[in-house]
């Protein structure tokens, strides 16, 4: 399993948390949003999902991954 923290811009509310965590769950990634730090902690199996797919799932929800 790969664990990392991604910096994500544009999050501000509970809806943001739900949309990001839901999008990640849909591709098999465990994600935990921290609105205070503007981060998302992710955990995923690189044999199943690559980092680009994780970033794309977040970006498709309208947020910027740095």
PDB file of N, CA and C in Angstrom:
ATOM      1  N   UNK A   1       0.834  -1.186   0.000  1.00  0.00           N
ATOM      2  CA  UNK A   1       0.000   0.000   0.000  1.00  0.00           C
ATOM      3  C   UNK A   1       0.876   1.247   0.000  1.00  0.00           C
ATOM      4  N   UNK A   2       0.426   2.229  -0.743  1.00  0.00           N
ATOM      5  CA  UNK A   2       1.097   3.515  -0.782  1.00  0.00           C
ATOM      6  C   UNK A   2       0.267   4.510   0.014  1.00  0.00           C
ATOM      7  N   UNK A   3       0.934   5.246   0.894  1.00  0.00           N
ATOM      8  CA  UNK A   3       0.283   6.279   1.689  1.00  0.00           C
ATOM      9  C   UNK A   3       0.985   7.596   1.405  1.00  0.00           C
ATOM     10  N   UNK A   4       0.210   8.637   1.135  1.00  0.00           N
ATOM     11  CA  UNK A   4       0.813   9.947   0.906  1.00  0.00           C
ATOM     12  C   UNK A   4      -0.195  11.042   1.184  1.00  0.00           C
ATOM     13  N   UNK A   5       0.322  12.243   1.299  1.00  0.00           N
ATOM     14  CA  UNK A   5      -0.516  13.410   1.518  1.00  0.00           C
ATOM     15  C   UNK A   5      -0.400  14.309   0.304  1.00  0.00           C
ATOM     16  N   UNK A   6      -1.549  14.670  -0.253  1.00  0.00           N
ATOM     17  CA  UNK A   6      -1.586  15.561  -1.414  1.00  0.00           C
ATOM     18  C   UNK A   6      -2.090  16.927  -0.987  1.00  0.00           C
ATOM     19  N   UNK A   7      -1.477  17.965  -1.513  1.00  0.00           N
ATOM     20  CA  UNK A   7      -1.935  19.333  -1.285  1.00  0.00           C
ATOM     21  C   UNK A   7      -3.027  19.617  -2.312  1.00  0.00           C
ATOM     22  N   UNK A   8      -4.205  20.033  -1.839  1.00  0.00           N
ATOM     23  CA  UNK A   8      -5.343  20.266  -2.729  1.00  0.00           C
ATOM     24  C   UNK A   8      -5.915  21.651  -2.455  1.00  0.00           C
ATOM     25  N   UNK A   9      -6.058  22.447  -3.508  1.00  0.00           N
ATOM     26  CA  UNK A   9      -6.588  23.806  -3.386  1.00  0.00           C
ATOM     27  C   UNK A   9      -8.048  23.849  -3.816  1.00  0.00           C
ATOM     28  N   UNK A  10      -8.823  24.720  -3.157  1.00  0.00           N
ATOM     29  CA  UNK A  10     -10.206  24.950  -3.556  1.00  0.00           C
ATOM     30  C   UNK A  10     -11.240  24.304  -2.647  1.00  0.00           C
ATOM     31  N   UNK A  11     -10.797  23.582  -1.622  1.00  0.00           N
ATOM     32  CA  UNK A  11     -11.732  22.930  -0.706  1.00  0.00           C
ATOM     33  C   UNK A  11     -12.140  23.923   0.388  1.00  0.00           C
ATOM     34  N   UNK A  12     -13.450  23.912   0.742  1.00  0.00           N
ATOM     35  CA  UNK A  12     -13.874  24.859   1.774  1.00  0.00           C
ATOM     36  C   UNK A  12     -14.999  24.361   2.675  1.00  0.00           C
ATOM     37  N   UNK A  13     -15.619  23.215   2.359  1.00  0.00           N
ATOM     38  CA  UNK A  13     -16.805  22.835   3.123  1.00  0.00           C
ATOM     39  C   UNK A  13     -17.014  21.320   3.128  1.00  0.00           C
ATOM     40  N   UNK A  14     -18.071  20.907   3.800  1.00  0.00           N
ATOM     41  CA  UNK A  14     -18.396  19.493   3.880  1.00  0.00           C
ATOM     42  C   UNK A  14     -18.684  18.865   2.528  1.00  0.00           C
ATOM     43  N   UNK A  15     -19.284  19.647   1.631  1.00  0.00           N
ATOM     44  CA  UNK A  15     -19.543  19.130   0.287  1.00  0.00           C
ATOM     45  C   UNK A  15     -18.228  18.775  -0.409  1.00  0.00           C
ATOM     46  N   UNK A  16     -17.219  19.611  -0.215  1.00  0.00           N
ATOM     47  CA  UNK A  16     -15.903  19.351  -0.805  1.00  0.00           C
ATOM     48  C   UNK A  16     -15.352  18.021  -0.290  1.00  0.00           C
ATOM     49  N   UNK A  17     -15.463  17.831   1.017  1.00  0.00           N
ATOM     50  CA  UNK A  17     -14.980  16.598   1.641  1.00  0.00           C
ATOM     51  C   UNK A  17     -15.693  15.394   1.032  1.00  0.00           C
ATOM     52  N   UNK A  18     -17.016  15.460   0.978  1.00  0.00           N
ATOM     53  CA  UNK A  18     -17.793  14.333   0.460  1.00  0.00           C
ATOM     54  C   UNK A  18     -17.498  14.044  -1.001  1.00  0.00           C
ATOM     55  N   UNK A  19     -17.354  15.081  -1.821  1.00  0.00           N
ATOM     56  CA  UNK A  19     -17.131  14.831  -3.245  1.00  0.00           C
ATOM     57  C   UNK A  19     -15.754  14.229  -3.498  1.00  0.00           C
ATOM     58  N   UNK A  20     -14.749  14.704  -2.792  1.00  0.00           N
ATOM     59  CA  UNK A  20     -13.398  14.164  -2.984  1.00  0.00           C
ATOM     60  C   UNK A  20     -13.303  12.745  -2.428  1.00  0.00           C
ATOM     61  N   UNK A  21     -13.748  12.549  -1.195  1.00  0.00           N
ATOM     62  CA  UNK A  21     -13.655  11.218  -0.601  1.00  0.00           C
ATOM     63  C   UNK A  21     -14.493  10.203  -1.380  1.00  0.00           C
ATOM     64  N   UNK A  22     -15.649  10.629  -1.888  1.00  0.00           N
ATOM     65  CA  UNK A  22     -16.493   9.735  -2.688  1.00  0.00           C
ATOM     66  C   UNK A  22     -15.853   9.368  -4.016  1.00  0.00           C
ATOM     67  N   UNK A  23     -15.236  10.358  -4.681  1.00  0.00           N
ATOM     68  CA  UNK A  23     -14.571  10.098  -5.960  1.00  0.00           C
ATOM     69  C   UNK A  23     -13.395   9.149  -5.781  1.00  0.00           C
ATOM     70  N   UNK A  24     -12.661   9.318  -4.700  1.00  0.00           N
ATOM     71  CA  UNK A  24     -11.529   8.428  -4.438  1.00  0.00           C
ATOM     72  C   UNK A  24     -12.008   7.017  -4.116  1.00  0.00           C
ATOM     73  N   UNK A  25     -13.041   6.918  -3.315  1.00  0.00           N
ATOM     74  CA  UNK A  25     -13.584   5.604  -2.964  1.00  0.00           C
ATOM     75  C   UNK A  25     -14.041   4.854  -4.216  1.00  0.00           C
ATOM     76  N   UNK A  26     -14.604   5.589  -5.176  1.00  0.00           N
ATOM     77  CA  UNK A  26     -15.104   4.974  -6.404  1.00  0.00           C
ATOM     78  C   UNK A  26     -14.007   4.309  -7.226  1.00  0.00           C
ATOM     79  N   UNK A  27     -12.754   4.766  -7.053  1.00  0.00           N
ATOM     80  CA  UNK A  27     -11.641   4.144  -7.796  1.00  0.00           C
ATOM     81  C   UNK A  27     -10.781   3.251  -6.906  1.00  0.00           C
ATOM     82  N   UNK A  28     -11.270   2.974  -5.684  1.00  0.00           N
ATOM     83  CA  UNK A  28     -10.558   2.053  -4.799  1.00  0.00           C
ATOM     84  C   UNK A  28      -9.482   2.673  -3.945  1.00  0.00           C
ATOM     85  N   UNK A  29      -9.600   3.965  -3.693  1.00  0.00           N
ATOM     86  CA  UNK A  29      -8.603   4.687  -2.895  1.00  0.00           C
ATOM     87  C   UNK A  29      -9.267   5.171  -1.606  1.00  0.00           C
ATOM     88  N   UNK A  30      -8.570   4.993  -0.495  1.00  0.00           N
ATOM     89  CA  UNK A  30      -9.050   5.536   0.769  1.00  0.00           C
ATOM     90  C   UNK A  30      -8.505   6.957   0.878  1.00  0.00           C
ATOM     91  N   UNK A  31      -9.405   7.926   1.042  1.00  0.00           N
ATOM     92  CA  UNK A  31      -8.985   9.316   1.149  1.00  0.00           C
ATOM     93  C   UNK A  31      -9.589   9.978   2.362  1.00  0.00           C
ATOM     94  N   UNK A  32      -8.802  10.816   3.031  1.00  0.00           N
ATOM     95  CA  UNK A  32      -9.266  11.558   4.198  1.00  0.00           C
ATOM     96  C   UNK A  32      -8.873  13.022   4.007  1.00  0.00           C
ATOM     97  N   UNK A  33      -9.890  13.884   3.884  1.00  0.00           N
ATOM     98  CA  UNK A  33      -9.662  15.308   3.637  1.00  0.00           C
ATOM     99  C   UNK A  33      -9.437  16.043   4.951  1.00  0.00           C
ATOM    100  N   UNK A  34      -8.481  16.967   4.948  1.00  0.00           N
ATOM    101  CA  UNK A  34      -8.256  17.872   6.071  1.00  0.00           C
ATOM    102  C   UNK A  34      -8.435  19.288   5.531  1.00  0.00           C
ATOM    103  N   UNK A  35      -9.596  19.895   5.802  1.00  0.00           N
ATOM    104  CA  UNK A  35      -9.885  21.235   5.284  1.00  0.00           C
ATOM    105  C   UNK A  35      -8.958  22.292   5.858  1.00  0.00           C
ATOM    106  N   UNK A  36      -8.571  22.151   7.101  1.00  0.00           N
ATOM    107  CA  UNK A  36      -7.706  23.135   7.753  1.00  0.00           C
ATOM    108  C   UNK A  36      -6.352  23.233   7.065  1.00  0.00           C
ATOM    109  N   UNK A  37      -5.799  22.098   6.681  1.00  0.00           N
ATOM    110  CA  UNK A  37      -4.476  22.062   6.057  1.00  0.00           C
ATOM    111  C   UNK A  37      -4.532  22.047   4.529  1.00  0.00           C
ATOM    112  N   UNK A  38      -5.750  21.962   3.960  1.00  0.00           N
ATOM    113  CA  UNK A  38      -5.906  21.829   2.504  1.00  0.00           C
ATOM    114  C   UNK A  38      -5.155  20.615   1.970  1.00  0.00           C
ATOM    115  N   UNK A  39      -5.324  19.493   2.666  1.00  0.00           N
ATOM    116  CA  UNK A  39      -4.649  18.269   2.248  1.00  0.00           C
ATOM    117  C   UNK A  39      -5.637  17.111   2.160  1.00  0.00           C
ATOM    118  N   UNK A  40      -5.208  16.093   1.423  1.00  0.00           N
ATOM    119  CA  UNK A  40      -5.941  14.832   1.369  1.00  0.00           C
ATOM    120  C   UNK A  40      -4.925  13.719   1.594  1.00  0.00           C
ATOM    121  N   UNK A  41      -5.133  12.949   2.651  1.00  0.00           N
ATOM    122  CA  UNK A  41      -4.301  11.779   2.898  1.00  0.00           C
ATOM    123  C   UNK A  41      -4.904  10.625   2.113  1.00  0.00           C
ATOM    124  N   UNK A  42      -4.100   9.985   1.281  1.00  0.00           N
ATOM    125  CA  UNK A  42      -4.597   8.889   0.458  1.00  0.00           C
ATOM    126  C   UNK A  42      -3.812   7.616   0.737  1.00  0.00           C
ATOM    127  N   UNK A  43      -4.499   6.500   0.586  1.00  0.00           N
ATOM    128  CA  UNK A  43      -3.905   5.181   0.742  1.00  0.00           C
ATOM    129  C   UNK A  43      -4.445   4.316  -0.399  1.00  0.00           C
ATOM    130  N   UNK A  44      -3.520   3.740  -1.172  1.00  0.00           N
ATOM    131  CA  UNK A  44      -3.945   2.946  -2.321  1.00  0.00           C
ATOM    132  C   UNK A  44      -2.891   1.913  -2.705  1.00  0.00           C
ATOM    133  N   UNK A  45      -3.336   0.899  -3.428  1.00  0.00           N
ATOM    134  CA  UNK A  45      -2.468  -0.154  -3.931  1.00  0.00           C
ATOM    135  C   UNK A  45      -2.010   0.248  -5.336  1.00  0.00           C
ATOM    136  N   UNK A  46      -0.721   0.507  -5.486  1.00  0.00           N
ATOM    137  CA  UNK A  46      -0.202   0.952  -6.786  1.00  0.00           C
ATOM    138  C   UNK A  46      -0.346  -0.105  -7.873  1.00  0.00           C
ATOM    139  N   UNK A  47      -0.609  -1.335  -7.504  1.00  0.00           N
ATOM    140  CA  UNK A  47      -0.866  -2.367  -8.507  1.00  0.00           C
ATOM    141  C   UNK A  47      -2.271  -2.247  -9.074  1.00  0.00           C
ATOM    142  N   UNK A  48      -3.145  -1.524  -8.380  1.00  0.00           N
ATOM    143  CA  UNK A  48      -4.529  -1.353  -8.806  1.00  0.00           C
ATOM    144  C   UNK A  48      -4.792   0.042  -9.374  1.00  0.00           C
ATOM    145  N   UNK A  49      -4.187   1.067  -8.767  1.00  0.00           N
ATOM    146  CA  UNK A  49      -4.436   2.468  -9.131  1.00  0.00           C
ATOM    147  C   UNK A  49      -3.113   3.209  -9.095  1.00  0.00           C
ATOM    148  N   UNK A  50      -2.854   4.045 -10.102  1.00  0.00           N
ATOM    149  CA  UNK A  50      -1.626   4.828 -10.053  1.00  0.00           C
ATOM    150  C   UNK A  50      -1.901   6.243  -9.548  1.00  0.00           C
ATOM    151  N   UNK A  51      -0.839   6.946  -9.200  1.00  0.00           N
ATOM    152  CA  UNK A  51      -0.960   8.284  -8.615  1.00  0.00           C
ATOM    153  C   UNK A  51      -1.679   9.245  -9.556  1.00  0.00           C
ATOM    154  N   UNK A  52      -1.441   9.128 -10.851  1.00  0.00           N
ATOM    155  CA  UNK A  52      -2.112  10.018 -11.798  1.00  0.00           C
ATOM    156  C   UNK A  52      -3.625   9.839 -11.763  1.00  0.00           C
ATOM    157  N   UNK A  53      -4.094   8.608 -11.596  1.00  0.00           N
ATOM    158  CA  UNK A  53      -5.538   8.359 -11.507  1.00  0.00           C
ATOM    159  C   UNK A  53      -6.113   8.970 -10.232  1.00  0.00           C
ATOM    160  N   UNK A  54      -5.341   8.940  -9.159  1.00  0.00           N
ATOM    161  CA  UNK A  54      -5.772   9.549  -7.900  1.00  0.00           C
ATOM    162  C   UNK A  54      -5.927  11.062  -8.092  1.00  0.00           C
ATOM    163  N   UNK A  55      -4.904  11.683  -8.659  1.00  0.00           N
ATOM    164  CA  UNK A  55      -4.961  13.130  -8.901  1.00  0.00           C
ATOM    165  C   UNK A  55      -6.107  13.492  -9.842  1.00  0.00           C
ATOM    166  N   UNK A  56      -6.288  12.704 -10.878  1.00  0.00           N
ATOM    167  CA  UNK A  56      -7.351  12.962 -11.853  1.00  0.00           C
ATOM    168  C   UNK A  56      -8.734  12.882 -11.205  1.00  0.00           C
ATOM    169  N   UNK A  57      -8.930  11.912 -10.307  1.00  0.00           N
ATOM    170  CA  UNK A  57     -10.225  11.772  -9.625  1.00  0.00           C
ATOM    171  C   UNK A  57     -10.542  13.025  -8.814  1.00  0.00           C
ATOM    172  N   UNK A  58      -9.538  13.607  -8.187  1.00  0.00           N
ATOM    173  CA  UNK A  58      -9.727  14.842  -7.406  1.00  0.00           C
ATOM    174  C   UNK A  58      -9.975  16.019  -8.330  1.00  0.00           C
ATOM    175  N   UNK A  59      -9.180  16.119  -9.376  1.00  0.00           N
ATOM    176  CA  UNK A  59      -9.307  17.238 -10.310  1.00  0.00           C
ATOM    177  C   UNK A  59     -10.646  17.222 -11.036  1.00  0.00           C
ATOM    178  N   UNK A  60     -11.181  16.046 -11.312  1.00  0.00           N
ATOM    179  CA  UNK A  60     -12.480  15.940 -11.971  1.00  0.00           C
ATOM    180  C   UNK A  60     -13.600  16.496 -11.096  1.00  0.00           C
ATOM    181  N   UNK A  61     -13.366  16.606  -9.806  1.00  0.00           N
ATOM    182  CA  UNK A  61     -14.350  17.184  -8.889  1.00  0.00           C
ATOM    183  C   UNK A  61     -14.224  18.707  -8.810  1.00  0.00           C
ATOM    184  N   UNK A  62     -13.225  19.260  -9.510  1.00  0.00           N
ATOM    185  CA  UNK A  62     -13.081  20.715  -9.580  1.00  0.00           C
ATOM    186  C   UNK A  62     -12.019  21.305  -8.666  1.00  0.00           C
ATOM    187  N   UNK A  63     -11.104  20.476  -8.185  1.00  0.00           N
ATOM    188  CA  UNK A  63     -10.069  20.947  -7.266  1.00  0.00           C
ATOM    189  C   UNK A  63      -8.704  20.818  -7.904  1.00  0.00           C
ATOM    190  N   UNK A  64      -7.763  21.621  -7.444  1.00  0.00           N
ATOM    191  CA  UNK A  64      -6.410  21.600  -7.979  1.00  0.00           C
ATOM    192  C   UNK A  64      -5.494  20.817  -7.053  1.00  0.00           C
ATOM    193  N   UNK A  65      -4.796  19.838  -7.606  1.00  0.00           N
ATOM    194  CA  UNK A  65      -3.826  19.041  -6.842  1.00  0.00           C
ATOM    195  C   UNK A  65      -2.450  19.590  -7.154  1.00  0.00           C
ATOM    196  N   UNK A  66      -1.700  19.894  -6.115  1.00  0.00           N
ATOM    197  CA  UNK A  66      -0.338  20.420  -6.319  1.00  0.00           C
ATOM    198  C   UNK A  66       0.690  19.349  -6.061  1.00  0.00           C
TER     199      UNK A  66
END
